[in-house]
Amino acid sequence: MVKISEAELIKNILTKPNAPFIVQEISVQLEAERARRIAFYNEITEQQKAEFINGEVIIHSPVKKEHNDASMAVFRLISLYNSKHQLGYVGYEKVMIALTRNDYEPDVCFFKKEKSKDFKKGQTRFPAPDLVVEILSKGTSKIDRTIKFEDYQAHAVQEYWMIDPVKETIEQYRLDKKGKYELILKSTSGQLKCKAIKGFEVPIEAIFNEAENLSAIQEILKT
């Protein structure tokens, strides 16, 4: 499928004599979508892991062991580092990110103190984080690489990590000066340096290996 830019899409619509009708129909569809989104907020329970994506409610299946292991490993490292240095707020699995059109529940996310200082007890929806980590699976990989990628980029999420727990690989993307994601790292080994979390650096192996994870935790405690 050929991908076109927003500017090209708008230009194509404006060449149509019925452009006002197209825009009107889009407006009608988006208004109906907003109603479904409100219903989603009212119906979703704390027990469900669900997301609202382009007008559809996505209920996620239980994860496989390797997915859970990688998710927990990342959360332990970031959460411990953040607890020690008090840099912001770390979200895990059930923290709902409410963007302009869609709602996501990333596996792990991080908000700098400038944003998290305004968080309140009882809050259930949160703004765009500074870091999002998604653990890839067969059922979610396409969305993680397309819709979420574009949405996180559009909402200036500074860093986006996609972790493949089967291939034990991490892809690290970071916004460039033009506000577009640039691939910084794709590897199974080496050091992972996070710009969104000041000073955070761990071996990639610490995400997939329990002994390496424990060693990285001990290093964090020393610093």
N, C-alpha and C. Protein backbone atom coordinates (compact mmCIF):
# COMPACT_ATOMS: atom_id res chain seq x y z
N MET A 1 0.84 -1.18 0.00
CA MET A 1 0.00 0.00 0.00
C MET A 1 0.88 1.25 0.00
N VAL A 2 0.57 2.19 -0.91
CA VAL A 2 1.33 3.41 -1.01
C VAL A 2 0.89 4.37 0.09
N LYS A 3 1.86 4.89 0.83
CA LYS A 3 1.57 5.81 1.92
C LYS A 3 1.71 7.24 1.43
N ILE A 4 0.67 8.07 1.68
CA ILE A 4 0.73 9.46 1.27
C ILE A 4 0.72 10.35 2.51
N SER A 5 1.28 11.52 2.38
CA SER A 5 1.35 12.45 3.51
C SER A 5 0.01 13.13 3.73
N GLU A 6 -0.12 13.77 4.90
CA GLU A 6 -1.34 14.50 5.19
C GLU A 6 -1.55 15.63 4.18
N ALA A 7 -0.48 16.30 3.83
CA ALA A 7 -0.58 17.41 2.87
C ALA A 7 -1.09 16.92 1.52
N GLU A 8 -0.60 15.74 1.10
CA GLU A 8 -1.05 15.17 -0.18
C GLU A 8 -2.51 14.74 -0.10
N LEU A 9 -2.91 14.20 1.05
CA LEU A 9 -4.29 13.77 1.23
C LEU A 9 -5.23 14.96 1.15
N ILE A 10 -4.89 16.04 1.84
CA ILE A 10 -5.71 17.26 1.81
C ILE A 10 -5.78 17.82 0.39
N LYS A 11 -4.63 17.84 -0.27
CA LYS A 11 -4.58 18.35 -1.64
C LYS A 11 -5.49 17.54 -2.56
N ASN A 12 -5.48 16.20 -2.39
CA ASN A 12 -6.33 15.33 -3.22
C ASN A 12 -7.81 15.61 -2.98
N ILE A 13 -8.18 15.82 -1.72
CA ILE A 13 -9.58 16.12 -1.41
C ILE A 13 -10.00 17.44 -2.03
N LEU A 14 -9.11 18.44 -1.97
CA LEU A 14 -9.44 19.77 -2.49
C LEU A 14 -9.55 19.81 -4.01
N THR A 15 -9.07 18.77 -4.70
CA THR A 15 -9.24 18.72 -6.16
C THR A 15 -10.63 18.22 -6.54
N LYS A 16 -11.36 17.68 -5.54
CA LYS A 16 -12.68 17.13 -5.80
C LYS A 16 -13.74 18.24 -5.74
N PRO A 17 -14.65 18.30 -6.71
CA PRO A 17 -15.72 19.32 -6.66
C PRO A 17 -16.64 19.13 -5.45
N ASN A 18 -16.70 17.89 -4.94
CA ASN A 18 -17.57 17.62 -3.78
C ASN A 18 -16.79 17.64 -2.47
N ALA A 19 -15.66 18.34 -2.45
CA ALA A 19 -14.83 18.40 -1.26
C ALA A 19 -15.61 18.80 0.00
N PRO A 20 -16.50 19.81 -0.08
CA PRO A 20 -17.25 20.17 1.14
C PRO A 20 -18.09 19.02 1.69
N PHE A 21 -18.64 18.20 0.78
CA PHE A 21 -19.46 17.06 1.22
C PHE A 21 -18.59 15.99 1.87
N ILE A 22 -17.37 15.81 1.34
CA ILE A 22 -16.44 14.84 1.93
C ILE A 22 -16.08 15.27 3.34
N VAL A 23 -15.75 16.55 3.49
CA VAL A 23 -15.40 17.08 4.81
C VAL A 23 -16.57 16.96 5.77
N GLN A 24 -17.78 17.24 5.28
CA GLN A 24 -18.97 17.14 6.12
C GLN A 24 -19.18 15.70 6.58
N GLU A 25 -19.00 14.73 5.68
CA GLU A 25 -19.18 13.33 6.03
C GLU A 25 -18.13 12.88 7.05
N ILE A 26 -16.89 13.36 6.89
CA ILE A 26 -15.84 13.06 7.87
C ILE A 26 -16.24 13.59 9.24
N SER A 27 -16.78 14.80 9.26
CA SER A 27 -17.21 15.41 10.51
C SER A 27 -18.31 14.59 11.18
N VAL A 28 -19.26 14.11 10.39
CA VAL A 28 -20.35 13.28 10.92
C VAL A 28 -19.80 11.98 11.50
N GLN A 29 -18.87 11.36 10.77
CA GLN A 29 -18.28 10.10 11.23
C GLN A 29 -17.48 10.30 12.52
N LEU A 30 -16.74 11.40 12.61
CA LEU A 30 -15.95 11.67 13.81
C LEU A 30 -16.83 11.97 15.01
N GLU A 31 -17.97 12.61 14.77
CA GLU A 31 -18.89 12.89 15.87
C GLU A 31 -19.48 11.59 16.42
N ALA A 32 -19.82 10.67 15.52
CA ALA A 32 -20.31 9.36 15.96
C ALA A 32 -19.21 8.60 16.71
N GLU A 33 -17.98 8.77 16.26
CA GLU A 33 -16.85 8.13 16.92
C GLU A 33 -16.66 8.68 18.33
N ARG A 34 -16.85 9.99 18.50
CA ARG A 34 -16.72 10.59 19.83
C ARG A 34 -17.75 10.01 20.80
N ALA A 35 -18.95 9.75 20.29
CA ALA A 35 -20.00 9.15 21.13
C ALA A 35 -19.60 7.74 21.56
N ARG A 36 -19.01 6.98 20.64
CA ARG A 36 -18.54 5.63 20.98
C ARG A 36 -17.41 5.69 22.00
N ARG A 37 -16.59 6.72 21.90
CA ARG A 37 -15.47 6.87 22.83
C ARG A 37 -15.98 7.15 24.24
N ILE A 38 -17.00 7.98 24.37
CA ILE A 38 -17.58 8.26 25.68
C ILE A 38 -18.18 6.98 26.26
N ALA A 39 -18.83 6.21 25.42
CA ALA A 39 -19.40 4.93 25.87
C ALA A 39 -18.28 3.99 26.34
N PHE A 40 -17.18 4.01 25.62
CA PHE A 40 -16.02 3.20 26.00
C PHE A 40 -15.54 3.56 27.39
N TYR A 41 -15.42 4.85 27.69
CA TYR A 41 -15.00 5.29 29.01
C TYR A 41 -15.95 4.81 30.10
N ASN A 42 -17.24 4.81 29.77
CA ASN A 42 -18.24 4.44 30.77
C ASN A 42 -18.34 2.94 31.00
N GLU A 43 -17.97 2.16 29.99
CA GLU A 43 -18.18 0.71 30.06
C GLU A 43 -16.93 -0.09 30.44
N ILE A 44 -15.75 0.46 30.16
CA ILE A 44 -14.54 -0.29 30.42
C ILE A 44 -14.33 -0.48 31.93
N THR A 45 -13.82 -1.64 32.32
CA THR A 45 -13.58 -1.92 33.73
C THR A 45 -12.08 -1.99 34.01
N GLU A 46 -11.71 -1.92 35.28
CA GLU A 46 -10.30 -1.98 35.66
C GLU A 46 -9.69 -3.34 35.36
N GLN A 47 -10.53 -4.36 35.23
CA GLN A 47 -10.03 -5.72 35.00
C GLN A 47 -9.64 -5.94 33.54
N GLN A 48 -10.14 -5.11 32.64
CA GLN A 48 -9.88 -5.29 31.22
C GLN A 48 -8.69 -4.46 30.75
N LYS A 49 -7.93 -5.03 29.84
CA LYS A 49 -6.91 -4.23 29.14
C LYS A 49 -7.50 -3.93 27.77
N ALA A 50 -7.92 -2.70 27.59
CA ALA A 50 -8.63 -2.33 26.36
C ALA A 50 -8.13 -0.98 25.86
N GLU A 51 -8.24 -0.78 24.54
CA GLU A 51 -7.83 0.47 23.92
C GLU A 51 -8.90 0.92 22.93
N PHE A 52 -8.97 2.22 22.71
CA PHE A 52 -9.89 2.78 21.73
C PHE A 52 -9.06 3.32 20.58
N ILE A 53 -9.14 2.66 19.42
CA ILE A 53 -8.26 2.98 18.30
C ILE A 53 -9.07 3.21 17.04
N ASN A 54 -9.01 4.45 16.54
CA ASN A 54 -9.72 4.82 15.31
C ASN A 54 -11.18 4.38 15.30
N GLY A 55 -11.84 4.60 16.44
CA GLY A 55 -13.27 4.32 16.52
C GLY A 55 -13.64 2.93 16.97
N GLU A 56 -12.65 2.06 17.13
CA GLU A 56 -12.92 0.68 17.51
C GLU A 56 -12.37 0.37 18.90
N VAL A 57 -13.11 -0.44 19.66
CA VAL A 57 -12.65 -0.89 20.96
C VAL A 57 -11.86 -2.18 20.78
N ILE A 58 -10.62 -2.19 21.24
CA ILE A 58 -9.74 -3.34 21.12
C ILE A 58 -9.55 -3.96 22.50
N ILE A 59 -10.04 -5.17 22.70
CA ILE A 59 -9.84 -5.90 23.95
C ILE A 59 -8.67 -6.85 23.76
N HIS A 60 -7.67 -6.76 24.62
CA HIS A 60 -6.46 -7.56 24.44
C HIS A 60 -6.56 -8.92 25.12
N SER A 61 -5.99 -9.91 24.46
CA SER A 61 -5.94 -11.26 24.99
C SER A 61 -4.86 -11.36 26.06
N PRO A 62 -4.89 -12.40 26.89
CA PRO A 62 -3.81 -12.61 27.86
C PRO A 62 -2.48 -12.74 27.13
N VAL A 63 -1.42 -12.24 27.74
CA VAL A 63 -0.10 -12.25 27.10
C VAL A 63 0.64 -13.56 27.37
N LYS A 64 1.61 -13.84 26.50
CA LYS A 64 2.46 -15.01 26.69
C LYS A 64 3.55 -14.70 27.72
N LYS A 65 4.17 -15.74 28.23
CA LYS A 65 5.17 -15.59 29.30
C LYS A 65 6.30 -14.65 28.90
N GLU A 66 6.82 -14.82 27.67
CA GLU A 66 7.96 -14.00 27.27
C GLU A 66 7.58 -12.51 27.18
N HIS A 67 6.32 -12.25 26.83
CA HIS A 67 5.83 -10.88 26.79
C HIS A 67 5.80 -10.30 28.20
N ASN A 68 5.23 -11.06 29.12
CA ASN A 68 5.14 -10.60 30.51
C ASN A 68 6.52 -10.42 31.13
N ASP A 69 7.43 -11.35 30.84
CA ASP A 69 8.78 -11.28 31.40
C ASP A 69 9.51 -10.01 30.95
N ALA A 70 9.42 -9.71 29.65
CA ALA A 70 10.08 -8.52 29.11
C ALA A 70 9.46 -7.24 29.68
N SER A 71 8.15 -7.22 29.75
CA SER A 71 7.44 -6.07 30.28
C SER A 71 7.82 -5.79 31.73
N MET A 72 7.82 -6.85 32.53
CA MET A 72 8.18 -6.73 33.94
C MET A 72 9.63 -6.28 34.11
N ALA A 73 10.52 -6.81 33.28
CA ALA A 73 11.93 -6.47 33.37
C ALA A 73 12.15 -4.98 33.10
N VAL A 74 11.52 -4.47 32.05
CA VAL A 74 11.64 -3.05 31.72
C VAL A 74 11.06 -2.19 32.84
N PHE A 75 9.89 -2.59 33.32
CA PHE A 75 9.25 -1.81 34.38
C PHE A 75 10.11 -1.77 35.65
N ARG A 76 10.68 -2.91 36.03
CA ARG A 76 11.51 -2.95 37.24
C ARG A 76 12.68 -1.98 37.12
N LEU A 77 13.35 -2.00 35.98
CA LEU A 77 14.52 -1.16 35.79
C LEU A 77 14.17 0.33 35.82
N ILE A 78 13.15 0.69 35.04
CA ILE A 78 12.78 2.11 34.96
C ILE A 78 12.18 2.59 36.27
N SER A 79 11.33 1.77 36.88
CA SER A 79 10.67 2.16 38.12
C SER A 79 11.68 2.36 39.25
N LEU A 80 12.63 1.44 39.36
CA LEU A 80 13.64 1.54 40.41
C LEU A 80 14.51 2.78 40.20
N TYR A 81 14.94 2.99 38.96
CA TYR A 81 15.77 4.16 38.66
C TYR A 81 15.02 5.45 38.97
N ASN A 82 13.75 5.49 38.57
CA ASN A 82 12.95 6.68 38.82
C ASN A 82 12.71 6.90 40.31
N SER A 83 12.48 5.83 41.05
CA SER A 83 12.27 5.95 42.49
C SER A 83 13.50 6.53 43.18
N LYS A 84 14.65 6.14 42.68
CA LYS A 84 15.89 6.62 43.29
C LYS A 84 16.18 8.08 42.96
N HIS A 85 15.84 8.49 41.72
CA HIS A 85 16.20 9.83 41.28
C HIS A 85 15.02 10.81 41.20
N GLN A 86 13.81 10.29 41.40
CA GLN A 86 12.61 11.15 41.43
C GLN A 86 12.51 12.06 40.20
N LEU A 87 12.48 11.43 39.02
CA LEU A 87 12.47 12.18 37.77
C LEU A 87 11.07 12.36 37.19
N GLY A 88 10.12 11.58 37.67
CA GLY A 88 8.77 11.68 37.12
C GLY A 88 7.87 10.56 37.60
N TYR A 89 7.08 10.02 36.67
CA TYR A 89 6.09 9.00 37.02
C TYR A 89 6.15 7.87 36.00
N VAL A 90 6.11 6.62 36.48
CA VAL A 90 6.18 5.46 35.60
C VAL A 90 4.83 4.76 35.58
N GLY A 91 4.31 4.50 34.40
CA GLY A 91 3.04 3.80 34.25
C GLY A 91 3.28 2.38 33.76
N TYR A 92 2.40 1.47 34.18
CA TYR A 92 2.56 0.06 33.80
C TYR A 92 1.23 -0.56 33.40
N GLU A 93 1.13 -0.99 32.16
CA GLU A 93 0.03 -1.75 31.58
C GLU A 93 -1.35 -1.08 31.61
N LYS A 94 -1.86 -0.75 32.77
CA LYS A 94 -3.24 -0.26 32.86
C LYS A 94 -3.36 1.26 32.89
N VAL A 95 -2.26 1.98 32.68
CA VAL A 95 -2.33 3.44 32.63
C VAL A 95 -2.80 3.84 31.23
N MET A 96 -3.95 4.51 31.15
CA MET A 96 -4.54 4.85 29.86
C MET A 96 -4.07 6.21 29.39
N ILE A 97 -3.50 6.22 28.19
CA ILE A 97 -3.03 7.44 27.56
C ILE A 97 -4.13 7.95 26.63
N ALA A 98 -4.68 9.12 26.93
CA ALA A 98 -5.76 9.69 26.13
C ALA A 98 -5.19 10.74 25.18
N LEU A 99 -5.05 10.38 23.91
CA LEU A 99 -4.56 11.31 22.91
C LEU A 99 -5.74 11.96 22.19
N THR A 100 -5.49 12.72 21.16
CA THR A 100 -6.55 13.50 20.53
C THR A 100 -7.71 12.63 20.06
N ARG A 101 -7.41 11.51 19.44
CA ARG A 101 -8.46 10.64 18.91
C ARG A 101 -8.51 9.29 19.59
N ASN A 102 -7.37 8.78 20.01
CA ASN A 102 -7.29 7.41 20.50
C ASN A 102 -6.85 7.30 21.95
N ASP A 103 -7.14 6.15 22.53
CA ASP A 103 -6.75 5.84 23.91
C ASP A 103 -5.94 4.55 23.91
N TYR A 104 -4.74 4.61 24.51
CA TYR A 104 -3.87 3.44 24.55
C TYR A 104 -3.49 3.10 25.99
N GLU A 105 -3.16 1.83 26.19
CA GLU A 105 -2.61 1.37 27.46
C GLU A 105 -1.25 0.71 27.17
N PRO A 106 -0.18 1.52 27.10
CA PRO A 106 1.14 0.98 26.78
C PRO A 106 1.61 -0.02 27.84
N ASP A 107 2.53 -0.87 27.46
CA ASP A 107 3.08 -1.83 28.43
C ASP A 107 3.82 -1.08 29.54
N VAL A 108 4.63 -0.11 29.15
CA VAL A 108 5.32 0.74 30.12
C VAL A 108 5.39 2.15 29.53
N CYS A 109 5.27 3.16 30.39
CA CYS A 109 5.44 4.53 29.91
C CYS A 109 6.03 5.39 31.03
N PHE A 110 6.57 6.52 30.64
CA PHE A 110 7.22 7.41 31.62
C PHE A 110 6.86 8.85 31.32
N PHE A 111 6.53 9.59 32.37
CA PHE A 111 6.21 11.01 32.28
C PHE A 111 7.25 11.79 33.08
N LYS A 112 7.84 12.80 32.48
CA LYS A 112 8.75 13.65 33.22
C LYS A 112 7.99 14.42 34.30
N LYS A 113 8.73 14.92 35.26
CA LYS A 113 8.13 15.59 36.41
C LYS A 113 7.28 16.80 36.01
N GLU A 114 7.65 17.47 34.92
CA GLU A 114 6.88 18.63 34.48
C GLU A 114 5.43 18.27 34.21
N LYS A 115 5.18 17.05 33.74
CA LYS A 115 3.82 16.58 33.50
C LYS A 115 3.24 15.89 34.73
N SER A 116 4.01 15.03 35.33
CA SER A 116 3.49 14.18 36.41
C SER A 116 3.17 14.95 37.68
N LYS A 117 3.74 16.14 37.86
CA LYS A 117 3.47 16.91 39.08
C LYS A 117 2.00 17.31 39.20
N ASP A 118 1.28 17.28 38.10
CA ASP A 118 -0.13 17.66 38.11
C ASP A 118 -1.07 16.46 38.20
N PHE A 119 -0.52 15.24 38.25
CA PHE A 119 -1.36 14.05 38.35
C PHE A 119 -2.03 14.03 39.73
N LYS A 120 -3.26 13.52 39.75
CA LYS A 120 -4.04 13.51 40.99
C LYS A 120 -4.55 12.11 41.31
N LYS A 121 -4.85 11.88 42.58
CA LYS A 121 -5.47 10.62 43.00
C LYS A 121 -6.81 10.45 42.28
N GLY A 122 -7.08 9.23 41.86
CA GLY A 122 -8.33 8.97 41.16
C GLY A 122 -8.27 9.23 39.67
N GLN A 123 -7.17 9.76 39.17
CA GLN A 123 -7.04 10.04 37.74
C GLN A 123 -7.01 8.74 36.95
N THR A 124 -7.76 8.70 35.86
CA THR A 124 -7.82 7.48 35.05
C THR A 124 -7.35 7.68 33.61
N ARG A 125 -7.21 8.92 33.18
CA ARG A 125 -6.70 9.19 31.84
C ARG A 125 -5.53 10.16 31.93
N PHE A 126 -4.52 9.90 31.10
CA PHE A 126 -3.27 10.63 31.22
C PHE A 126 -2.85 11.21 29.87
N PRO A 127 -2.03 12.26 29.87
CA PRO A 127 -1.57 12.87 28.62
C PRO A 127 -0.49 12.05 27.94
N ALA A 128 -0.02 12.55 26.82
CA ALA A 128 1.06 11.87 26.10
C ALA A 128 2.30 11.77 26.98
N PRO A 129 2.88 10.59 27.13
CA PRO A 129 4.10 10.43 27.95
C PRO A 129 5.33 10.96 27.21
N ASP A 130 6.46 10.89 27.88
CA ASP A 130 7.73 11.23 27.25
C ASP A 130 8.42 9.99 26.68
N LEU A 131 8.06 8.84 27.23
CA LEU A 131 8.58 7.55 26.75
C LEU A 131 7.45 6.54 26.73
N VAL A 132 7.35 5.79 25.64
CA VAL A 132 6.42 4.67 25.55
C VAL A 132 7.18 3.42 25.18
N VAL A 133 6.89 2.32 25.88
CA VAL A 133 7.48 1.02 25.57
C VAL A 133 6.35 0.05 25.24
N GLU A 134 6.38 -0.53 24.06
CA GLU A 134 5.40 -1.54 23.66
C GLU A 134 6.13 -2.85 23.43
N ILE A 135 5.61 -3.91 24.05
CA ILE A 135 6.15 -5.26 23.83
C ILE A 135 5.36 -5.87 22.67
N LEU A 136 6.04 -6.21 21.61
CA LEU A 136 5.39 -6.71 20.40
C LEU A 136 4.84 -8.12 20.59
N SER A 137 3.71 -8.37 19.95
CA SER A 137 3.14 -9.71 19.90
C SER A 137 2.52 -9.90 18.52
N LYS A 138 2.15 -11.10 18.19
CA LYS A 138 1.58 -11.38 16.87
C LYS A 138 0.31 -10.57 16.65
N GLY A 139 -0.48 -10.40 17.70
CA GLY A 139 -1.75 -9.70 17.56
C GLY A 139 -1.66 -8.19 17.56
N THR A 140 -0.56 -7.63 18.10
CA THR A 140 -0.48 -6.17 18.25
C THR A 140 0.61 -5.52 17.42
N SER A 141 1.50 -6.30 16.86
CA SER A 141 2.68 -5.76 16.18
C SER A 141 2.33 -4.76 15.07
N LYS A 142 1.32 -5.08 14.26
CA LYS A 142 0.96 -4.20 13.14
C LYS A 142 0.50 -2.84 13.64
N ILE A 143 -0.35 -2.83 14.66
CA ILE A 143 -0.83 -1.56 15.21
C ILE A 143 0.31 -0.79 15.86
N ASP A 144 1.18 -1.49 16.59
CA ASP A 144 2.31 -0.84 17.24
C ASP A 144 3.22 -0.15 16.23
N ARG A 145 3.35 -0.76 15.06
CA ARG A 145 4.28 -0.25 14.04
C ARG A 145 3.64 0.79 13.11
N THR A 146 2.34 0.91 13.13
CA THR A 146 1.67 1.83 12.20
C THR A 146 0.90 2.92 12.95
N ILE A 147 -0.30 2.60 13.42
CA ILE A 147 -1.17 3.60 14.05
C ILE A 147 -0.50 4.21 15.29
N LYS A 148 -0.02 3.36 16.19
CA LYS A 148 0.59 3.89 17.42
C LYS A 148 1.87 4.67 17.09
N PHE A 149 2.66 4.15 16.19
CA PHE A 149 3.89 4.83 15.78
C PHE A 149 3.58 6.25 15.33
N GLU A 150 2.61 6.40 14.44
CA GLU A 150 2.24 7.70 13.91
C GLU A 150 1.62 8.59 14.98
N ASP A 151 0.80 8.00 15.84
CA ASP A 151 0.11 8.76 16.88
C ASP A 151 1.08 9.26 17.94
N TYR A 152 1.97 8.40 18.40
CA TYR A 152 2.97 8.82 19.38
C TYR A 152 3.87 9.92 18.80
N GLN A 153 4.22 9.75 17.55
CA GLN A 153 5.04 10.75 16.88
C GLN A 153 4.30 12.09 16.78
N ALA A 154 3.03 12.04 16.38
CA ALA A 154 2.23 13.25 16.23
C ALA A 154 2.03 13.99 17.55
N HIS A 155 2.03 13.23 18.66
CA HIS A 155 1.82 13.84 19.97
C HIS A 155 3.14 14.06 20.73
N ALA A 156 4.23 14.06 19.99
CA ALA A 156 5.55 14.43 20.52
C ALA A 156 6.00 13.58 21.70
N VAL A 157 5.72 12.27 21.64
CA VAL A 157 6.29 11.35 22.62
C VAL A 157 7.78 11.24 22.25
N GLN A 158 8.63 11.69 23.15
CA GLN A 158 10.05 11.86 22.83
C GLN A 158 10.74 10.57 22.37
N GLU A 159 10.44 9.46 23.06
CA GLU A 159 11.04 8.17 22.70
C GLU A 159 9.98 7.08 22.63
N TYR A 160 10.18 6.17 21.69
CA TYR A 160 9.29 5.03 21.51
C TYR A 160 10.14 3.79 21.34
N TRP A 161 9.95 2.82 22.25
CA TRP A 161 10.67 1.56 22.17
C TRP A 161 9.69 0.46 21.77
N MET A 162 10.10 -0.35 20.81
CA MET A 162 9.35 -1.56 20.46
C MET A 162 10.25 -2.76 20.74
N ILE A 163 9.77 -3.64 21.60
CA ILE A 163 10.58 -4.77 22.06
C ILE A 163 9.96 -6.07 21.57
N ASP A 164 10.76 -6.87 20.87
CA ASP A 164 10.34 -8.19 20.41
C ASP A 164 10.85 -9.22 21.41
N PRO A 165 9.96 -9.80 22.23
CA PRO A 165 10.41 -10.73 23.28
C PRO A 165 10.83 -12.10 22.74
N VAL A 166 10.43 -12.41 21.52
CA VAL A 166 10.80 -13.69 20.92
C VAL A 166 12.20 -13.61 20.31
N LYS A 167 12.44 -12.58 19.51
CA LYS A 167 13.76 -12.38 18.90
C LYS A 167 14.72 -11.67 19.85
N GLU A 168 14.19 -11.24 21.00
CA GLU A 168 14.99 -10.55 22.02
C GLU A 168 15.71 -9.34 21.42
N THR A 169 14.91 -8.52 20.75
CA THR A 169 15.42 -7.35 20.05
C THR A 169 14.67 -6.10 20.51
N ILE A 170 15.37 -5.00 20.60
CA ILE A 170 14.74 -3.72 20.89
C ILE A 170 14.99 -2.74 19.76
N GLU A 171 13.95 -1.99 19.40
CA GLU A 171 14.06 -0.89 18.45
C GLU A 171 13.79 0.39 19.24
N GLN A 172 14.71 1.32 19.19
CA GLN A 172 14.59 2.57 19.93
C GLN A 172 14.46 3.73 18.93
N TYR A 173 13.33 4.42 19.00
CA TYR A 173 13.09 5.58 18.14
C TYR A 173 13.07 6.85 18.99
N ARG A 174 13.57 7.93 18.41
CA ARG A 174 13.60 9.21 19.11
C ARG A 174 13.24 10.32 18.13
N LEU A 175 12.50 11.31 18.61
CA LEU A 175 12.11 12.42 17.74
C LEU A 175 13.33 13.21 17.29
N ASP A 176 13.39 13.52 16.00
CA ASP A 176 14.45 14.37 15.50
C ASP A 176 14.00 15.83 15.55
N LYS A 177 14.79 16.72 15.00
CA LYS A 177 14.49 18.15 15.07
C LYS A 177 13.23 18.52 14.29
N LYS A 178 12.82 17.66 13.36
CA LYS A 178 11.61 17.93 12.58
C LYS A 178 10.38 17.27 13.19
N GLY A 179 10.56 16.63 14.36
CA GLY A 179 9.42 15.99 15.02
C GLY A 179 9.06 14.63 14.43
N LYS A 180 10.02 14.02 13.74
CA LYS A 180 9.81 12.70 13.15
C LYS A 180 10.67 11.68 13.89
N TYR A 181 10.16 10.44 13.99
CA TYR A 181 10.93 9.41 14.67
C TYR A 181 12.13 8.96 13.84
N GLU A 182 13.25 8.91 14.51
CA GLU A 182 14.50 8.43 13.91
C GLU A 182 14.91 7.16 14.64
N LEU A 183 15.26 6.11 13.89
CA LEU A 183 15.72 4.87 14.51
C LEU A 183 17.11 5.08 15.07
N ILE A 184 17.21 5.03 16.40
CA ILE A 184 18.48 5.24 17.09
C ILE A 184 19.23 3.92 17.27
N LEU A 185 18.46 2.86 17.53
CA LEU A 185 19.09 1.58 17.87
C LEU A 185 18.15 0.43 17.52
N LYS A 186 18.70 -0.61 16.94
CA LYS A 186 17.98 -1.88 16.76
C LYS A 186 19.00 -2.97 17.02
N SER A 187 18.85 -3.68 18.15
CA SER A 187 19.90 -4.61 18.53
C SER A 187 19.40 -5.64 19.55
N THR A 188 20.20 -6.68 19.70
CA THR A 188 19.95 -7.70 20.72
C THR A 188 20.95 -7.59 21.87
N SER A 189 21.92 -6.69 21.71
CA SER A 189 22.96 -6.55 22.74
C SER A 189 23.49 -5.12 22.75
N GLY A 190 24.33 -4.84 23.74
CA GLY A 190 24.88 -3.50 23.85
C GLY A 190 24.15 -2.68 24.90
N GLN A 191 24.43 -1.39 24.94
CA GLN A 191 23.85 -0.51 25.94
C GLN A 191 22.65 0.25 25.39
N LEU A 192 21.62 0.35 26.19
CA LEU A 192 20.43 1.11 25.85
C LEU A 192 20.46 2.41 26.65
N LYS A 193 20.60 3.53 25.96
CA LYS A 193 20.67 4.84 26.61
C LYS A 193 19.39 5.61 26.32
N CYS A 194 18.72 6.03 27.37
CA CYS A 194 17.44 6.71 27.23
C CYS A 194 17.60 8.20 27.45
N LYS A 195 17.20 8.99 26.47
CA LYS A 195 17.28 10.45 26.60
C LYS A 195 16.08 11.00 27.36
N ALA A 196 14.94 10.31 27.24
CA ALA A 196 13.72 10.78 27.92
C ALA A 196 13.84 10.67 29.43
N ILE A 197 14.62 9.68 29.91
CA ILE A 197 14.85 9.51 31.34
C ILE A 197 16.32 9.84 31.58
N LYS A 198 16.58 11.00 32.11
CA LYS A 198 17.94 11.50 32.25
C LYS A 198 18.85 10.53 32.99
N GLY A 199 19.94 10.13 32.31
CA GLY A 199 20.95 9.29 32.93
C GLY A 199 20.65 7.80 32.92
N PHE A 200 19.49 7.41 32.41
CA PHE A 200 19.12 5.99 32.44
C PHE A 200 19.84 5.24 31.32
N GLU A 201 20.59 4.21 31.72
CA GLU A 201 21.35 3.39 30.76
C GLU A 201 21.48 1.98 31.32
N VAL A 202 21.07 0.98 30.53
CA VAL A 202 21.14 -0.41 30.96
C VAL A 202 21.55 -1.29 29.79
N PRO A 203 22.09 -2.49 30.06
CA PRO A 203 22.37 -3.44 28.97
C PRO A 203 21.06 -3.96 28.39
N ILE A 204 21.01 -4.11 27.09
CA ILE A 204 19.81 -4.65 26.44
C ILE A 204 19.48 -6.04 26.97
N GLU A 205 20.52 -6.81 27.27
CA GLU A 205 20.31 -8.18 27.78
C GLU A 205 19.51 -8.19 29.08
N ALA A 206 19.53 -7.07 29.81
CA ALA A 206 18.82 -7.00 31.10
C ALA A 206 17.31 -7.04 30.92
N ILE A 207 16.85 -6.86 29.68
CA ILE A 207 15.41 -6.95 29.39
C ILE A 207 14.98 -8.39 29.22
N PHE A 208 15.90 -9.25 28.78
CA PHE A 208 15.52 -10.62 28.41
C PHE A 208 16.13 -11.70 29.31
N ASN A 209 17.07 -11.34 30.13
CA ASN A 209 17.76 -12.32 30.96
C ASN A 209 17.63 -11.92 32.43
N GLU A 210 17.12 -12.83 33.25
CA GLU A 210 16.85 -12.51 34.65
C GLU A 210 18.12 -12.17 35.42
N ALA A 211 19.19 -12.93 35.17
CA ALA A 211 20.45 -12.67 35.86
C ALA A 211 21.00 -11.30 35.48
N GLU A 212 20.90 -10.94 34.18
CA GLU A 212 21.36 -9.64 33.72
C GLU A 212 20.47 -8.53 34.29
N ASN A 213 19.20 -8.82 34.43
CA ASN A 213 18.27 -7.84 35.00
C ASN A 213 18.64 -7.55 36.45
N LEU A 214 18.93 -8.61 37.20
CA LEU A 214 19.32 -8.44 38.60
C LEU A 214 20.63 -7.66 38.71
N SER A 215 21.57 -7.96 37.82
CA SER A 215 22.85 -7.25 37.82
C SER A 215 22.65 -5.77 37.53
N ALA A 216 21.77 -5.46 36.57
CA ALA A 216 21.49 -4.06 36.23
C ALA A 216 20.82 -3.34 37.40
N ILE A 217 19.94 -4.04 38.09
CA ILE A 217 19.28 -3.47 39.28
C ILE A 217 20.32 -3.12 40.34
N GLN A 218 21.28 -4.00 40.54
CA GLN A 218 22.34 -3.76 41.53
C GLN A 218 23.17 -2.55 41.13
N GLU A 219 23.41 -2.37 39.84
CA GLU A 219 24.18 -1.21 39.37
C GLU A 219 23.39 0.08 39.62
N ILE A 220 22.08 0.03 39.40
CA ILE A 220 21.23 1.20 39.64
C ILE A 220 21.29 1.59 41.11
N LEU A 221 21.26 0.59 41.97
CA LEU A 221 21.27 0.85 43.41
C LEU A 221 22.59 1.47 43.88
N LYS A 222 23.67 1.17 43.14
CA LYS A 222 24.98 1.71 43.51
C LYS A 222 25.12 3.19 43.16
N THR A 223 24.48 3.60 42.07
CA THR A 223 24.68 4.96 41.56
C THR A 223 23.83 5.98 42.31
